[in-house]
N, C-alpha and C. Protein backbone atom coordinates (compact mmCIF):
# COMPACT_ATOMS: atom_id res chain seq x y z
N MET A 1 -26.21 -14.17 24.52
CA MET A 1 -25.40 -13.40 25.46
C MET A 1 -26.17 -13.26 26.77
N GLU A 2 -25.47 -13.48 27.83
CA GLU A 2 -26.12 -13.37 29.13
C GLU A 2 -26.07 -11.94 29.63
N ASP A 3 -27.04 -11.61 30.46
CA ASP A 3 -27.06 -10.27 31.04
C ASP A 3 -25.87 -10.09 31.95
N GLY A 4 -25.32 -8.88 31.97
CA GLY A 4 -24.19 -8.59 32.83
C GLY A 4 -22.85 -8.95 32.23
N SER A 5 -22.84 -9.59 31.08
CA SER A 5 -21.56 -9.93 30.45
C SER A 5 -20.93 -8.66 29.90
N PRO A 6 -19.60 -8.65 29.75
CA PRO A 6 -18.94 -7.45 29.21
C PRO A 6 -19.50 -7.05 27.85
N GLU A 7 -19.83 -8.03 27.01
CA GLU A 7 -20.35 -7.71 25.68
C GLU A 7 -21.73 -7.04 25.78
N THR A 8 -22.59 -7.54 26.69
CA THR A 8 -23.89 -6.92 26.90
C THR A 8 -23.70 -5.49 27.41
N ASP A 9 -22.77 -5.33 28.35
CA ASP A 9 -22.47 -4.00 28.86
C ASP A 9 -22.00 -3.08 27.73
N ASP A 10 -21.13 -3.60 26.85
CA ASP A 10 -20.63 -2.81 25.72
C ASP A 10 -21.78 -2.38 24.81
N LEU A 11 -22.69 -3.30 24.55
CA LEU A 11 -23.82 -2.98 23.67
C LEU A 11 -24.72 -1.91 24.31
N GLU A 12 -24.94 -2.04 25.61
CA GLU A 12 -25.74 -1.04 26.32
C GLU A 12 -25.04 0.32 26.33
N LEU A 13 -23.73 0.29 26.57
CA LEU A 13 -22.96 1.54 26.55
C LEU A 13 -23.01 2.17 25.16
N MET A 14 -22.83 1.35 24.14
CA MET A 14 -22.82 1.89 22.78
C MET A 14 -24.19 2.46 22.40
N ALA A 15 -25.26 1.85 22.89
CA ALA A 15 -26.60 2.40 22.65
C ALA A 15 -26.71 3.78 23.29
N ARG A 16 -26.12 3.95 24.46
CA ARG A 16 -26.13 5.27 25.12
C ARG A 16 -25.24 6.26 24.36
N VAL A 17 -24.10 5.77 23.86
CA VAL A 17 -23.20 6.64 23.07
C VAL A 17 -23.93 7.12 21.82
N ARG A 18 -24.69 6.23 21.22
CA ARG A 18 -25.47 6.60 20.03
C ARG A 18 -26.39 7.78 20.33
N GLY A 19 -26.83 7.88 21.57
CA GLY A 19 -27.67 9.00 21.99
C GLY A 19 -26.88 10.22 22.46
N GLY A 20 -25.54 10.16 22.34
CA GLY A 20 -24.71 11.31 22.69
C GLY A 20 -24.16 11.30 24.11
N ASP A 21 -24.24 10.18 24.80
CA ASP A 21 -23.80 10.08 26.19
C ASP A 21 -22.27 10.00 26.25
N THR A 22 -21.62 11.09 26.66
CA THR A 22 -20.16 11.13 26.71
C THR A 22 -19.60 10.30 27.86
N ASP A 23 -20.35 10.14 28.93
CA ASP A 23 -19.89 9.30 30.05
C ASP A 23 -19.80 7.84 29.60
N ALA A 24 -20.79 7.37 28.88
CA ALA A 24 -20.77 6.00 28.37
C ALA A 24 -19.60 5.82 27.41
N PHE A 25 -19.35 6.83 26.60
CA PHE A 25 -18.22 6.77 25.66
C PHE A 25 -16.90 6.67 26.42
N ALA A 26 -16.75 7.43 27.49
CA ALA A 26 -15.53 7.40 28.29
C ALA A 26 -15.32 6.00 28.89
N VAL A 27 -16.39 5.36 29.31
CA VAL A 27 -16.29 4.00 29.86
C VAL A 27 -15.83 3.03 28.77
N LEU A 28 -16.41 3.14 27.56
CA LEU A 28 -15.99 2.27 26.45
C LEU A 28 -14.52 2.47 26.11
N VAL A 29 -14.10 3.73 26.04
CA VAL A 29 -12.70 4.02 25.72
C VAL A 29 -11.80 3.41 26.79
N GLY A 30 -12.13 3.65 28.04
CA GLY A 30 -11.33 3.11 29.13
C GLY A 30 -11.25 1.60 29.11
N ARG A 31 -12.35 0.97 28.76
CA ARG A 31 -12.42 -0.49 28.75
C ARG A 31 -11.61 -1.10 27.60
N HIS A 32 -11.54 -0.40 26.45
CA HIS A 32 -10.97 -1.01 25.24
C HIS A 32 -9.70 -0.35 24.71
N GLN A 33 -9.25 0.74 25.32
CA GLN A 33 -8.11 1.45 24.74
C GLN A 33 -6.83 0.62 24.75
N HIS A 34 -6.60 -0.17 25.78
CA HIS A 34 -5.36 -0.96 25.82
C HIS A 34 -5.34 -2.01 24.72
N ARG A 35 -6.49 -2.63 24.46
CA ARG A 35 -6.58 -3.62 23.38
C ARG A 35 -6.31 -2.95 22.03
N VAL A 36 -6.92 -1.79 21.80
CA VAL A 36 -6.74 -1.09 20.53
C VAL A 36 -5.29 -0.62 20.38
N ILE A 37 -4.75 0.00 21.42
CA ILE A 37 -3.37 0.50 21.35
C ILE A 37 -2.40 -0.66 21.16
N GLY A 38 -2.60 -1.74 21.89
CA GLY A 38 -1.72 -2.90 21.76
C GLY A 38 -1.75 -3.50 20.37
N THR A 39 -2.94 -3.62 19.80
CA THR A 39 -3.07 -4.17 18.45
C THR A 39 -2.37 -3.27 17.44
N ILE A 40 -2.58 -1.98 17.55
CA ILE A 40 -1.95 -1.03 16.63
C ILE A 40 -0.44 -1.06 16.79
N ALA A 41 0.04 -1.08 18.02
CA ALA A 41 1.49 -1.08 18.27
C ALA A 41 2.13 -2.32 17.66
N ARG A 42 1.48 -3.46 17.79
CA ARG A 42 2.04 -4.68 17.21
C ARG A 42 1.99 -4.65 15.69
N MET A 43 0.95 -4.08 15.14
CA MET A 43 0.83 -4.01 13.67
C MET A 43 1.86 -3.06 13.08
N LEU A 44 2.06 -1.91 13.71
CA LEU A 44 2.96 -0.90 13.16
C LEU A 44 4.39 -1.06 13.65
N GLY A 45 4.58 -1.76 14.74
CA GLY A 45 5.91 -1.90 15.32
C GLY A 45 6.38 -0.62 15.99
N SER A 46 5.43 0.26 16.33
CA SER A 46 5.79 1.53 16.92
C SER A 46 4.78 1.93 17.99
N PRO A 47 5.10 1.67 19.26
CA PRO A 47 4.17 2.04 20.33
C PRO A 47 3.90 3.54 20.41
N ASP A 48 4.88 4.36 20.01
CA ASP A 48 4.70 5.81 20.08
C ASP A 48 3.55 6.28 19.19
N GLU A 49 3.44 5.71 18.02
CA GLU A 49 2.39 6.13 17.08
C GLU A 49 1.06 5.47 17.38
N ALA A 50 1.09 4.40 18.18
CA ALA A 50 -0.13 3.65 18.44
C ALA A 50 -1.18 4.48 19.16
N GLU A 51 -0.75 5.31 20.10
CA GLU A 51 -1.72 6.12 20.85
C GLU A 51 -2.43 7.12 19.95
N ASP A 52 -1.68 7.74 19.03
CA ASP A 52 -2.29 8.70 18.11
C ASP A 52 -3.33 8.02 17.23
N LEU A 53 -2.97 6.86 16.69
CA LEU A 53 -3.89 6.15 15.82
C LEU A 53 -5.09 5.62 16.61
N ALA A 54 -4.85 5.22 17.86
CA ALA A 54 -5.96 4.76 18.70
C ALA A 54 -6.96 5.89 18.95
N GLN A 55 -6.46 7.10 19.12
CA GLN A 55 -7.37 8.24 19.27
C GLN A 55 -8.24 8.37 18.03
N GLN A 56 -7.65 8.18 16.86
CA GLN A 56 -8.43 8.26 15.62
C GLN A 56 -9.50 7.17 15.59
N VAL A 57 -9.16 5.97 16.09
CA VAL A 57 -10.14 4.88 16.13
C VAL A 57 -11.34 5.31 16.97
N PHE A 58 -11.08 5.86 18.16
CA PHE A 58 -12.19 6.23 19.04
C PHE A 58 -12.95 7.46 18.53
N VAL A 59 -12.28 8.33 17.81
CA VAL A 59 -12.99 9.44 17.16
C VAL A 59 -13.98 8.87 16.14
N ARG A 60 -13.53 7.86 15.38
CA ARG A 60 -14.43 7.23 14.40
C ARG A 60 -15.59 6.52 15.10
N VAL A 61 -15.31 5.89 16.23
CA VAL A 61 -16.39 5.25 16.98
C VAL A 61 -17.44 6.30 17.36
N TRP A 62 -16.99 7.43 17.90
CA TRP A 62 -17.90 8.49 18.31
C TRP A 62 -18.71 9.02 17.12
N ARG A 63 -18.01 9.28 16.02
CA ARG A 63 -18.68 9.84 14.84
C ARG A 63 -19.65 8.83 14.21
N SER A 64 -19.32 7.55 14.30
CA SER A 64 -20.17 6.51 13.70
C SER A 64 -21.31 6.08 14.62
N ALA A 65 -21.26 6.49 15.86
CA ALA A 65 -22.26 6.04 16.84
C ALA A 65 -23.71 6.27 16.41
N PRO A 66 -24.05 7.42 15.81
CA PRO A 66 -25.46 7.60 15.42
C PRO A 66 -25.94 6.57 14.39
N ARG A 67 -25.02 6.02 13.60
CA ARG A 67 -25.39 5.05 12.56
C ARG A 67 -25.15 3.60 13.01
N TRP A 68 -24.59 3.42 14.21
CA TRP A 68 -24.22 2.09 14.69
C TRP A 68 -25.45 1.23 14.94
N GLU A 69 -25.37 -0.01 14.49
CA GLU A 69 -26.41 -1.00 14.75
C GLU A 69 -25.73 -2.23 15.34
N PRO A 70 -26.29 -2.83 16.37
CA PRO A 70 -25.65 -3.97 17.03
C PRO A 70 -25.77 -5.27 16.22
N ASN A 71 -25.17 -5.29 15.03
CA ASN A 71 -25.22 -6.47 14.16
C ASN A 71 -24.11 -7.47 14.49
N ALA A 72 -23.08 -7.02 15.18
CA ALA A 72 -21.96 -7.89 15.54
C ALA A 72 -21.53 -7.54 16.96
N ARG A 73 -20.60 -8.31 17.49
CA ARG A 73 -20.05 -7.98 18.80
C ARG A 73 -19.41 -6.60 18.72
N PHE A 74 -19.48 -5.84 19.80
CA PHE A 74 -18.88 -4.51 19.81
C PHE A 74 -17.39 -4.59 19.52
N THR A 75 -16.69 -5.55 20.14
CA THR A 75 -15.24 -5.66 19.92
C THR A 75 -14.91 -5.97 18.47
N THR A 76 -15.75 -6.73 17.80
CA THR A 76 -15.53 -7.02 16.38
C THR A 76 -15.62 -5.73 15.58
N TRP A 77 -16.64 -4.95 15.85
CA TRP A 77 -16.83 -3.67 15.14
C TRP A 77 -15.66 -2.73 15.43
N LEU A 78 -15.26 -2.66 16.70
CA LEU A 78 -14.16 -1.79 17.10
C LEU A 78 -12.85 -2.20 16.42
N LEU A 79 -12.57 -3.49 16.40
CA LEU A 79 -11.31 -3.95 15.79
C LEU A 79 -11.37 -3.88 14.26
N THR A 80 -12.56 -3.88 13.69
CA THR A 80 -12.68 -3.66 12.24
C THR A 80 -12.29 -2.21 11.92
N ILE A 81 -12.74 -1.27 12.72
CA ILE A 81 -12.34 0.13 12.54
C ILE A 81 -10.83 0.24 12.73
N THR A 82 -10.30 -0.43 13.74
CA THR A 82 -8.85 -0.43 14.00
C THR A 82 -8.11 -0.98 12.79
N ARG A 83 -8.57 -2.11 12.28
CA ARG A 83 -7.94 -2.74 11.10
C ARG A 83 -7.90 -1.76 9.94
N ASN A 84 -9.00 -1.12 9.65
CA ASN A 84 -9.06 -0.21 8.51
C ASN A 84 -8.06 0.94 8.65
N LEU A 85 -8.01 1.53 9.83
CA LEU A 85 -7.06 2.63 10.04
C LEU A 85 -5.61 2.16 9.97
N VAL A 86 -5.33 1.00 10.55
CA VAL A 86 -3.96 0.47 10.51
C VAL A 86 -3.55 0.15 9.08
N PHE A 87 -4.42 -0.50 8.33
CA PHE A 87 -4.08 -0.83 6.94
C PHE A 87 -3.86 0.44 6.12
N ASN A 88 -4.68 1.46 6.36
CA ASN A 88 -4.47 2.74 5.66
C ASN A 88 -3.12 3.34 6.03
N GLU A 89 -2.76 3.27 7.30
CA GLU A 89 -1.47 3.80 7.76
C GLU A 89 -0.31 3.03 7.14
N VAL A 90 -0.44 1.72 7.07
CA VAL A 90 0.62 0.90 6.45
C VAL A 90 0.79 1.28 4.98
N ARG A 91 -0.32 1.46 4.29
CA ARG A 91 -0.24 1.86 2.86
C ARG A 91 0.36 3.25 2.72
N ARG A 92 -0.02 4.17 3.62
CA ARG A 92 0.53 5.51 3.57
C ARG A 92 2.05 5.47 3.77
N ARG A 93 2.47 4.68 4.72
CA ARG A 93 3.90 4.55 4.98
C ARG A 93 4.66 3.96 3.79
N SER A 94 4.06 2.98 3.17
CA SER A 94 4.77 2.35 2.04
C SER A 94 4.91 3.32 0.88
N ARG A 95 3.96 4.23 0.75
CA ARG A 95 4.07 5.24 -0.32
C ARG A 95 5.13 6.29 0.02
N SER A 96 5.28 6.60 1.31
CA SER A 96 6.23 7.64 1.69
C SER A 96 7.61 7.07 2.03
N ARG A 97 7.74 5.73 1.98
CA ARG A 97 9.03 5.06 2.17
C ARG A 97 9.68 5.35 3.51
N THR A 98 8.89 5.48 4.56
CA THR A 98 9.48 5.65 5.88
C THR A 98 9.58 4.29 6.53
N ILE A 99 10.55 4.13 7.40
CA ILE A 99 10.75 2.88 8.09
C ILE A 99 10.57 3.13 9.58
N PRO A 100 9.59 2.46 10.22
CA PRO A 100 9.38 2.69 11.64
C PRO A 100 10.53 2.13 12.45
N LEU A 101 10.88 2.81 13.52
CA LEU A 101 11.90 2.32 14.43
C LEU A 101 11.26 1.31 15.36
N ASP A 102 11.98 0.28 15.65
CA ASP A 102 11.46 -0.77 16.52
C ASP A 102 11.89 -0.50 17.94
N GLU A 103 10.94 -0.11 18.79
CA GLU A 103 11.24 0.17 20.18
C GLU A 103 10.31 -0.65 21.05
N PRO A 104 10.85 -1.31 22.07
CA PRO A 104 9.94 -2.00 22.98
C PRO A 104 9.07 -0.98 23.71
N GLY A 105 7.81 -1.31 23.91
CA GLY A 105 6.91 -0.37 24.56
C GLY A 105 6.05 -1.05 25.60
N GLU A 106 5.29 -0.25 26.31
CA GLU A 106 4.46 -0.78 27.38
C GLU A 106 3.28 -1.58 26.86
N TYR A 107 2.99 -1.51 25.54
CA TYR A 107 1.80 -2.18 25.04
C TYR A 107 2.10 -3.56 24.51
N GLY A 108 3.35 -3.91 24.39
CA GLY A 108 3.71 -5.24 23.95
C GLY A 108 3.53 -6.22 25.10
N THR A 109 3.50 -7.50 24.78
CA THR A 109 3.36 -8.50 25.82
C THR A 109 4.67 -9.25 25.95
N ARG A 110 5.74 -8.55 25.92
CA ARG A 110 7.05 -9.16 26.01
C ARG A 110 7.32 -9.58 27.45
N GLU A 111 7.98 -10.70 27.57
CA GLU A 111 8.40 -11.14 28.89
C GLU A 111 9.91 -11.18 28.89
N TYR A 112 10.50 -10.60 29.90
CA TYR A 112 11.94 -10.57 30.01
C TYR A 112 12.35 -11.41 31.21
N PRO A 113 13.42 -12.19 31.04
CA PRO A 113 13.88 -13.01 32.16
C PRO A 113 14.42 -12.15 33.30
N ASP A 114 14.51 -12.75 34.47
CA ASP A 114 15.04 -12.08 35.64
C ASP A 114 16.50 -11.70 35.39
N PRO A 115 16.83 -10.39 35.43
CA PRO A 115 18.20 -9.98 35.12
C PRO A 115 19.23 -10.55 36.10
N ALA A 116 18.80 -10.91 37.29
CA ALA A 116 19.75 -11.43 38.27
C ALA A 116 20.27 -12.81 37.87
N THR A 117 19.53 -13.52 37.04
CA THR A 117 19.95 -14.87 36.66
C THR A 117 20.59 -14.94 35.29
N ASN A 118 20.66 -13.84 34.57
CA ASN A 118 21.20 -13.85 33.22
C ASN A 118 22.52 -13.11 33.14
N THR A 119 23.31 -13.58 32.21
CA THR A 119 24.55 -12.88 31.91
C THR A 119 24.23 -11.80 30.88
N PRO A 120 25.11 -10.85 30.68
CA PRO A 120 24.88 -9.85 29.63
C PRO A 120 24.72 -10.50 28.25
N GLU A 121 25.42 -11.59 28.02
CA GLU A 121 25.30 -12.29 26.74
C GLU A 121 23.89 -12.86 26.58
N ASP A 122 23.34 -13.41 27.68
CA ASP A 122 21.97 -13.93 27.64
C ASP A 122 20.98 -12.81 27.33
N ASP A 123 21.17 -11.68 28.00
CA ASP A 123 20.29 -10.53 27.78
C ASP A 123 20.36 -10.06 26.33
N LEU A 124 21.56 -10.03 25.77
CA LEU A 124 21.73 -9.61 24.39
C LEU A 124 21.04 -10.58 23.45
N ARG A 125 21.19 -11.87 23.71
CA ARG A 125 20.55 -12.89 22.86
C ARG A 125 19.02 -12.77 22.93
N VAL A 126 18.48 -12.56 24.12
CA VAL A 126 17.03 -12.40 24.27
C VAL A 126 16.56 -11.16 23.50
N ALA A 127 17.28 -10.07 23.62
CA ALA A 127 16.91 -8.83 22.91
C ALA A 127 16.99 -9.04 21.41
N GLU A 128 18.03 -9.72 20.95
CA GLU A 128 18.16 -9.98 19.51
C GLU A 128 17.04 -10.89 19.01
N LEU A 129 16.69 -11.90 19.80
CA LEU A 129 15.60 -12.79 19.42
C LEU A 129 14.28 -12.03 19.34
N GLN A 130 14.00 -11.19 20.34
CA GLN A 130 12.76 -10.42 20.33
C GLN A 130 12.72 -9.50 19.11
N GLN A 131 13.84 -8.88 18.79
CA GLN A 131 13.90 -8.01 17.62
C GLN A 131 13.66 -8.82 16.35
N ALA A 132 14.24 -10.03 16.27
CA ALA A 132 14.04 -10.88 15.10
C ALA A 132 12.57 -11.28 14.97
N ILE A 133 11.93 -11.60 16.10
CA ILE A 133 10.51 -11.96 16.08
C ILE A 133 9.67 -10.77 15.62
N ASP A 134 9.93 -9.60 16.20
CA ASP A 134 9.19 -8.40 15.81
C ASP A 134 9.36 -8.10 14.32
N GLN A 135 10.58 -8.20 13.82
CA GLN A 135 10.84 -7.93 12.40
C GLN A 135 10.15 -8.97 11.52
N ALA A 136 10.17 -10.24 11.94
CA ALA A 136 9.51 -11.28 11.16
C ALA A 136 8.01 -11.04 11.10
N ILE A 137 7.41 -10.64 12.22
CA ILE A 137 5.97 -10.33 12.23
C ILE A 137 5.68 -9.13 11.34
N GLN A 138 6.53 -8.09 11.43
CA GLN A 138 6.32 -6.89 10.61
C GLN A 138 6.45 -7.19 9.12
N SER A 139 7.21 -8.23 8.76
CA SER A 139 7.42 -8.54 7.35
C SER A 139 6.24 -9.28 6.73
N LEU A 140 5.32 -9.76 7.56
CA LEU A 140 4.14 -10.46 7.03
C LEU A 140 3.22 -9.47 6.32
N PRO A 141 2.49 -9.93 5.31
CA PRO A 141 1.47 -9.06 4.69
C PRO A 141 0.42 -8.64 5.71
N GLU A 142 -0.31 -7.56 5.41
CA GLU A 142 -1.26 -6.97 6.36
C GLU A 142 -2.26 -7.95 6.96
N GLN A 143 -3.00 -8.65 6.11
CA GLN A 143 -4.08 -9.52 6.60
C GLN A 143 -3.54 -10.63 7.50
N PRO A 144 -2.52 -11.40 7.05
CA PRO A 144 -2.00 -12.45 7.95
C PRO A 144 -1.40 -11.89 9.23
N ARG A 145 -0.75 -10.73 9.14
CA ARG A 145 -0.18 -10.11 10.33
C ARG A 145 -1.28 -9.74 11.32
N MET A 146 -2.36 -9.14 10.83
CA MET A 146 -3.48 -8.77 11.71
C MET A 146 -4.11 -10.04 12.30
N ALA A 147 -4.29 -11.07 11.49
CA ALA A 147 -4.87 -12.33 11.98
C ALA A 147 -3.99 -12.91 13.09
N LEU A 148 -2.70 -12.92 12.87
CA LEU A 148 -1.76 -13.46 13.86
C LEU A 148 -1.80 -12.65 15.16
N ILE A 149 -1.80 -11.36 15.04
CA ILE A 149 -1.82 -10.50 16.23
C ILE A 149 -3.12 -10.67 17.01
N LEU A 150 -4.24 -10.70 16.29
CA LEU A 150 -5.53 -10.86 16.98
C LEU A 150 -5.63 -12.23 17.66
N ARG A 151 -5.09 -13.25 17.02
CA ARG A 151 -5.16 -14.59 17.61
C ARG A 151 -4.17 -14.74 18.76
N ARG A 152 -2.93 -14.36 18.54
CA ARG A 152 -1.86 -14.60 19.52
C ARG A 152 -1.93 -13.64 20.71
N TYR A 153 -2.06 -12.37 20.43
CA TYR A 153 -1.98 -11.38 21.50
C TYR A 153 -3.35 -11.01 22.08
N GLU A 154 -4.37 -10.99 21.25
CA GLU A 154 -5.71 -10.64 21.74
C GLU A 154 -6.54 -11.87 22.07
N GLU A 155 -6.03 -13.06 21.70
CA GLU A 155 -6.68 -14.34 21.99
C GLU A 155 -8.12 -14.38 21.48
N MET A 156 -8.33 -13.83 20.30
CA MET A 156 -9.67 -13.80 19.73
C MET A 156 -9.98 -15.13 19.05
N PRO A 157 -11.24 -15.55 19.08
CA PRO A 157 -11.62 -16.78 18.38
C PRO A 157 -11.59 -16.56 16.86
N TYR A 158 -11.45 -17.65 16.13
CA TYR A 158 -11.37 -17.57 14.67
C TYR A 158 -12.56 -16.83 14.06
N GLU A 159 -13.74 -17.08 14.61
CA GLU A 159 -14.96 -16.46 14.07
C GLU A 159 -14.88 -14.93 14.15
N GLU A 160 -14.39 -14.43 15.27
CA GLU A 160 -14.28 -12.97 15.43
C GLU A 160 -13.21 -12.39 14.51
N ILE A 161 -12.10 -13.11 14.39
CA ILE A 161 -11.03 -12.65 13.49
C ILE A 161 -11.57 -12.59 12.06
N ALA A 162 -12.32 -13.60 11.68
CA ALA A 162 -12.91 -13.62 10.33
C ALA A 162 -13.82 -12.42 10.12
N ALA A 163 -14.62 -12.08 11.14
CA ALA A 163 -15.52 -10.93 11.03
C ALA A 163 -14.72 -9.64 10.92
N VAL A 164 -13.65 -9.50 11.72
CA VAL A 164 -12.83 -8.29 11.68
C VAL A 164 -12.18 -8.13 10.31
N LEU A 165 -11.68 -9.24 9.75
CA LEU A 165 -10.96 -9.18 8.48
C LEU A 165 -11.89 -9.27 7.27
N GLY A 166 -13.16 -9.52 7.51
CA GLY A 166 -14.12 -9.61 6.41
C GLY A 166 -13.88 -10.84 5.54
N THR A 167 -13.61 -11.97 6.19
CA THR A 167 -13.33 -13.20 5.46
C THR A 167 -13.97 -14.37 6.19
N THR A 168 -13.63 -15.58 5.81
CA THR A 168 -14.22 -16.77 6.41
C THR A 168 -13.28 -17.39 7.44
N VAL A 169 -13.82 -18.26 8.28
CA VAL A 169 -13.02 -18.96 9.28
C VAL A 169 -11.95 -19.83 8.60
N PRO A 170 -12.31 -20.61 7.55
CA PRO A 170 -11.25 -21.39 6.89
C PRO A 170 -10.14 -20.50 6.30
N ALA A 171 -10.51 -19.34 5.80
CA ALA A 171 -9.49 -18.42 5.27
C ALA A 171 -8.58 -17.92 6.39
N VAL A 172 -9.14 -17.64 7.56
CA VAL A 172 -8.34 -17.20 8.71
C VAL A 172 -7.38 -18.31 9.12
N LYS A 173 -7.89 -19.53 9.21
CA LYS A 173 -7.04 -20.66 9.60
C LYS A 173 -5.90 -20.84 8.59
N SER A 174 -6.22 -20.70 7.33
CA SER A 174 -5.21 -20.82 6.28
C SER A 174 -4.16 -19.71 6.40
N MET A 175 -4.62 -18.47 6.62
CA MET A 175 -3.71 -17.33 6.79
C MET A 175 -2.78 -17.56 7.97
N LEU A 176 -3.35 -18.03 9.07
CA LEU A 176 -2.55 -18.26 10.27
C LEU A 176 -1.53 -19.38 10.05
N PHE A 177 -1.94 -20.42 9.35
CA PHE A 177 -1.01 -21.51 9.06
C PHE A 177 0.16 -21.00 8.23
N ARG A 178 -0.15 -20.25 7.17
CA ARG A 178 0.91 -19.71 6.31
C ARG A 178 1.79 -18.72 7.06
N ALA A 179 1.18 -17.87 7.88
CA ALA A 179 1.94 -16.88 8.66
C ALA A 179 2.88 -17.59 9.64
N ARG A 180 2.38 -18.59 10.34
CA ARG A 180 3.22 -19.31 11.29
C ARG A 180 4.35 -20.06 10.58
N SER A 181 4.04 -20.63 9.41
CA SER A 181 5.07 -21.32 8.63
C SER A 181 6.15 -20.35 8.20
N GLU A 182 5.74 -19.17 7.73
CA GLU A 182 6.71 -18.16 7.32
C GLU A 182 7.55 -17.69 8.50
N LEU A 183 6.93 -17.50 9.65
CA LEU A 183 7.68 -17.09 10.83
C LEU A 183 8.68 -18.17 11.25
N ARG A 184 8.24 -19.44 11.20
CA ARG A 184 9.15 -20.54 11.54
C ARG A 184 10.37 -20.53 10.61
N GLU A 185 10.11 -20.31 9.32
CA GLU A 185 11.20 -20.24 8.34
C GLU A 185 12.16 -19.09 8.65
N ARG A 186 11.61 -17.91 8.87
CA ARG A 186 12.43 -16.73 9.13
C ARG A 186 13.20 -16.82 10.45
N LEU A 187 12.66 -17.57 11.39
CA LEU A 187 13.28 -17.65 12.71
C LEU A 187 14.02 -18.97 12.93
N ALA A 188 14.21 -19.74 11.86
CA ALA A 188 14.83 -21.07 11.98
C ALA A 188 16.21 -20.99 12.64
N LYS A 189 17.00 -19.98 12.29
CA LYS A 189 18.34 -19.91 12.87
C LYS A 189 18.32 -19.69 14.37
N TRP A 190 17.23 -19.12 14.87
CA TRP A 190 17.09 -18.86 16.30
C TRP A 190 16.62 -20.11 17.05
N MET A 191 16.07 -21.06 16.30
CA MET A 191 15.50 -22.24 16.93
C MET A 191 16.53 -23.35 17.15
N GLU A 192 17.73 -23.15 16.68
CA GLU A 192 18.78 -24.18 16.81
C GLU A 192 19.21 -24.37 18.23
């Protein structure tokens, strides 16, 4: 890692946080909150709940700081904490049988066409397609869904995804292949 890189800065900030530096912690939160919130929102399908869960992620970062050791990239460690909380939330939801409402939010990376060039029918079709994509992603099992979100939306390399998920690079590639195949199957009617 070169000096001055964001990862070096993160490691230096985290070393200060380990010593109780709240200013360094605020910088880390500011730097990474959108990534954490976006990942959670995509995993849960609910941007409203993403901010609450993201706060829990950063509370865990603060509480874990005294025991933190720079054995991996900071973002890998942060997204591992995120993964654990999201998976716990998904399991909690499945036990309580609640169904999250699907609402577009500011944390998604959705692109909408220029309304001036589309008819209402086009807009409806785009909205229906986006809803179908979101539902197809939500229907994936936890690990492949997280791998897909980290790769597609966070543009993380396979090695980092493997570290976050606690698996190997070939396993990540296999998960992504199966997830993409399943999504293609579920969205086949939209591809016509």
